[in-house]
N, C-alpha and C. Protein backbone atom coordinates (compact mmCIF):
# COMPACT_ATOMS: atom_id res chain seq x y z
N MET A 1 -13.09 114.69 100.37
CA MET A 1 -14.05 114.21 99.68
C MET A 1 -14.35 115.02 98.42
N ILE A 2 -14.77 114.45 97.36
CA ILE A 2 -15.03 115.01 96.09
C ILE A 2 -16.42 115.52 96.09
N GLN A 3 -16.51 116.73 96.06
CA GLN A 3 -17.97 117.49 95.90
C GLN A 3 -18.33 117.72 94.47
N GLU A 4 -17.37 118.09 93.60
CA GLU A 4 -17.58 118.34 92.29
C GLU A 4 -16.71 117.67 91.32
N ARG A 5 -17.07 117.38 90.03
CA ARG A 5 -16.33 116.72 89.18
C ARG A 5 -14.93 117.18 89.08
N SER A 6 -14.77 118.51 89.01
CA SER A 6 -13.44 119.14 88.96
C SER A 6 -12.55 118.84 90.12
N ASP A 7 -13.00 118.42 91.21
CA ASP A 7 -12.21 117.87 92.53
C ASP A 7 -11.40 116.66 92.19
N ILE A 8 -11.74 115.93 91.01
CA ILE A 8 -10.96 114.84 90.87
C ILE A 8 -9.60 115.04 90.56
N TYR A 9 -9.24 116.29 90.04
CA TYR A 9 -7.92 116.61 89.65
C TYR A 9 -6.95 116.73 90.84
N THR A 10 -7.61 116.93 92.05
CA THR A 10 -6.66 117.04 93.22
C THR A 10 -6.88 115.79 94.17
N ALA A 11 -7.58 114.88 93.78
CA ALA A 11 -7.75 113.67 94.57
C ALA A 11 -6.61 112.70 94.33
N SER A 12 -6.23 111.95 95.37
CA SER A 12 -5.19 111.08 95.19
C SER A 12 -5.74 109.62 95.06
N ARG A 13 -6.94 109.33 95.53
CA ARG A 13 -7.70 108.14 95.29
C ARG A 13 -8.92 108.26 94.68
N VAL A 14 -9.41 107.43 93.63
CA VAL A 14 -10.58 107.73 92.90
C VAL A 14 -11.31 106.23 92.89
N VAL A 15 -12.57 106.23 93.10
CA VAL A 15 -13.41 105.22 93.08
C VAL A 15 -14.42 105.37 91.96
N ILE A 16 -14.46 104.42 90.96
CA ILE A 16 -15.33 104.58 89.82
C ILE A 16 -16.30 103.35 89.93
N LYS A 17 -17.58 103.66 89.94
CA LYS A 17 -18.70 102.64 89.91
C LYS A 17 -19.22 102.76 88.46
N ALA A 18 -19.14 101.35 87.84
CA ALA A 18 -19.66 101.20 86.59
C ALA A 18 -20.76 100.08 86.78
N GLY A 19 -21.97 100.49 86.79
CA GLY A 19 -23.07 99.59 86.94
C GLY A 19 -23.56 98.92 85.63
N THR A 20 -24.41 98.07 85.65
CA THR A 20 -24.85 97.27 84.44
C THR A 20 -25.39 98.30 83.45
N SER A 21 -26.11 99.16 83.77
CA SER A 21 -26.54 100.19 82.77
C SER A 21 -25.50 101.12 82.06
N VAL A 22 -24.37 101.14 82.64
CA VAL A 22 -23.18 101.83 82.19
C VAL A 22 -22.35 101.00 81.09
N VAL A 23 -22.34 99.73 81.48
CA VAL A 23 -21.39 98.94 80.54
C VAL A 23 -22.17 98.07 79.58
N SER A 24 -23.50 98.36 79.58
CA SER A 24 -24.28 97.50 78.63
C SER A 24 -25.21 98.23 77.70
N THR A 25 -25.63 97.75 76.60
CA THR A 25 -26.68 98.34 75.81
C THR A 25 -27.97 98.13 76.22
N PRO A 26 -28.93 98.83 75.78
CA PRO A 26 -30.33 98.74 76.24
C PRO A 26 -30.81 97.23 75.88
N GLU A 27 -30.14 96.49 74.89
CA GLU A 27 -30.47 95.14 74.53
C GLU A 27 -29.83 94.14 75.44
N GLY A 28 -28.85 94.55 76.35
CA GLY A 28 -28.16 93.72 77.26
C GLY A 28 -26.88 93.24 76.79
N TYR A 29 -26.35 93.77 75.70
CA TYR A 29 -24.98 93.34 75.16
C TYR A 29 -23.94 94.30 75.75
N PRO A 30 -22.74 93.95 75.79
CA PRO A 30 -21.73 94.72 76.33
C PRO A 30 -21.55 95.99 75.63
N SER A 31 -21.42 97.10 76.11
CA SER A 31 -21.27 98.38 75.25
C SER A 31 -19.69 98.57 75.18
N LEU A 32 -19.03 98.00 74.31
CA LEU A 32 -17.62 98.00 74.09
C LEU A 32 -16.94 99.41 74.12
N SER A 33 -17.77 100.37 73.42
CA SER A 33 -17.19 101.77 73.40
C SER A 33 -17.26 102.32 74.83
N ARG A 34 -18.33 102.03 75.57
CA ARG A 34 -18.30 102.60 77.10
C ARG A 34 -17.25 102.01 77.83
N ILE A 35 -17.15 100.61 77.65
CA ILE A 35 -16.01 99.83 78.44
C ILE A 35 -14.76 100.39 78.18
N ALA A 36 -14.44 100.54 76.79
CA ALA A 36 -13.12 101.13 76.29
C ALA A 36 -12.84 102.53 76.97
N ASN A 37 -13.94 103.35 76.98
CA ASN A 37 -13.75 104.70 77.64
C ASN A 37 -13.38 104.59 79.09
N ILE A 38 -14.10 103.65 79.84
CA ILE A 38 -13.81 103.61 81.15
C ILE A 38 -12.18 103.19 81.39
N VAL A 39 -11.83 102.18 80.69
CA VAL A 39 -10.43 101.62 80.68
C VAL A 39 -9.54 102.68 80.47
N GLU A 40 -9.69 103.60 79.44
CA GLU A 40 -8.79 104.64 78.99
C GLU A 40 -8.70 105.49 80.13
N ASN A 41 -9.84 105.90 80.81
CA ASN A 41 -9.82 106.78 81.97
C ASN A 41 -9.11 106.27 83.18
N VAL A 42 -9.30 105.05 83.44
CA VAL A 42 -8.72 104.42 84.58
C VAL A 42 -7.17 104.41 84.37
N ALA A 43 -6.75 104.06 83.07
CA ALA A 43 -5.35 104.11 82.68
C ALA A 43 -4.76 105.49 82.91
N ARG A 44 -5.46 106.51 82.44
CA ARG A 44 -4.98 107.92 82.52
C ARG A 44 -4.68 108.41 83.97
N LEU A 45 -5.83 108.00 84.78
CA LEU A 45 -5.75 108.43 86.19
C LEU A 45 -4.48 107.71 86.83
N ALA A 46 -4.44 106.34 86.53
CA ALA A 46 -3.27 105.60 87.20
C ALA A 46 -2.03 106.21 86.77
N LYS A 47 -1.77 106.61 85.49
CA LYS A 47 -0.65 107.19 84.96
C LYS A 47 -0.20 108.47 85.74
N GLU A 48 -1.26 109.33 86.02
CA GLU A 48 -1.18 110.49 86.88
C GLU A 48 -0.86 110.12 88.40
N GLY A 49 -0.77 108.85 88.66
CA GLY A 49 -0.26 108.64 90.06
C GLY A 49 -1.44 108.40 91.04
N LYS A 50 -2.67 108.39 90.45
CA LYS A 50 -3.73 108.20 91.42
C LYS A 50 -4.14 106.79 91.74
N GLN A 51 -4.53 106.34 92.85
CA GLN A 51 -4.92 105.05 93.21
C GLN A 51 -6.45 105.00 92.67
N VAL A 52 -6.72 104.09 91.78
CA VAL A 52 -8.00 103.93 91.17
C VAL A 52 -8.67 102.44 91.53
N MET A 53 -9.85 102.59 91.97
CA MET A 53 -10.61 101.40 92.11
C MET A 53 -11.83 101.35 91.48
N LEU A 54 -12.05 100.30 90.64
CA LEU A 54 -13.16 100.05 89.73
C LEU A 54 -14.19 99.17 90.33
N VAL A 55 -15.29 99.69 90.52
CA VAL A 55 -16.37 98.87 91.26
C VAL A 55 -17.44 98.53 90.17
N THR A 56 -17.69 97.23 89.93
CA THR A 56 -18.61 96.84 89.02
C THR A 56 -19.71 95.92 89.42
N SER A 57 -20.72 95.71 88.71
CA SER A 57 -21.90 94.73 89.10
C SER A 57 -21.38 93.29 88.84
N GLY A 58 -22.28 92.52 89.25
CA GLY A 58 -22.18 91.04 88.88
C GLY A 58 -22.24 90.75 87.55
N TRP A 59 -22.95 91.77 86.73
CA TRP A 59 -23.07 91.47 85.33
C TRP A 59 -21.75 91.35 84.67
N ILE A 60 -20.70 91.97 85.10
CA ILE A 60 -19.38 91.89 84.48
C ILE A 60 -18.85 90.39 84.81
N ASN A 61 -18.96 89.81 85.88
CA ASN A 61 -18.64 88.45 86.15
C ASN A 61 -19.35 87.53 85.15
N SER A 62 -20.65 87.82 84.94
CA SER A 62 -21.41 87.01 83.91
C SER A 62 -20.88 87.15 82.35
N LEU A 63 -20.52 88.24 82.18
CA LEU A 63 -19.98 88.55 80.77
C LEU A 63 -18.64 87.74 80.74
N CYS A 64 -17.81 87.70 81.61
CA CYS A 64 -16.51 86.98 81.65
C CYS A 64 -16.78 85.44 81.45
N LEU A 65 -17.81 85.04 82.10
CA LEU A 65 -18.23 83.51 81.96
C LEU A 65 -18.93 83.21 80.64
N LEU A 66 -19.46 84.14 79.83
CA LEU A 66 -20.23 83.99 78.74
C LEU A 66 -19.55 82.97 77.74
N PRO A 67 -18.12 83.27 77.27
CA PRO A 67 -17.53 82.33 76.45
C PRO A 67 -17.47 80.94 76.82
N LEU A 68 -17.25 80.64 78.23
CA LEU A 68 -17.18 79.37 78.75
C LEU A 68 -18.63 78.69 78.65
N LEU A 69 -19.69 79.39 78.98
CA LEU A 69 -21.05 78.88 79.01
C LEU A 69 -21.30 78.63 77.41
N LEU A 70 -20.95 79.22 76.51
CA LEU A 70 -21.26 79.03 75.09
C LEU A 70 -20.29 77.95 74.48
N GLY A 71 -19.41 77.47 75.36
CA GLY A 71 -18.56 76.41 74.92
C GLY A 71 -17.38 76.95 73.96
N LEU A 72 -17.07 78.22 74.06
CA LEU A 72 -16.00 78.75 73.19
C LEU A 72 -14.70 78.62 73.79
N ILE A 73 -14.66 78.25 75.13
CA ILE A 73 -13.29 78.10 75.78
C ILE A 73 -13.24 76.54 76.15
């Protein structure tokens, strides 16, 4: 079990939780820079051979449906 941030380097499996406050701005919009940073880190960990699980909130689901709800798809 990881006790400190530095332990991530020896872990073979990593779970990352990205809640609504992490992936959105205070105004409720997606924070593209934060999301991009998460994606880059997940990709880096996967390239290092680690199993990575990204856990998100239901807000991500809503974000994916937004274009449909706005009639953009």
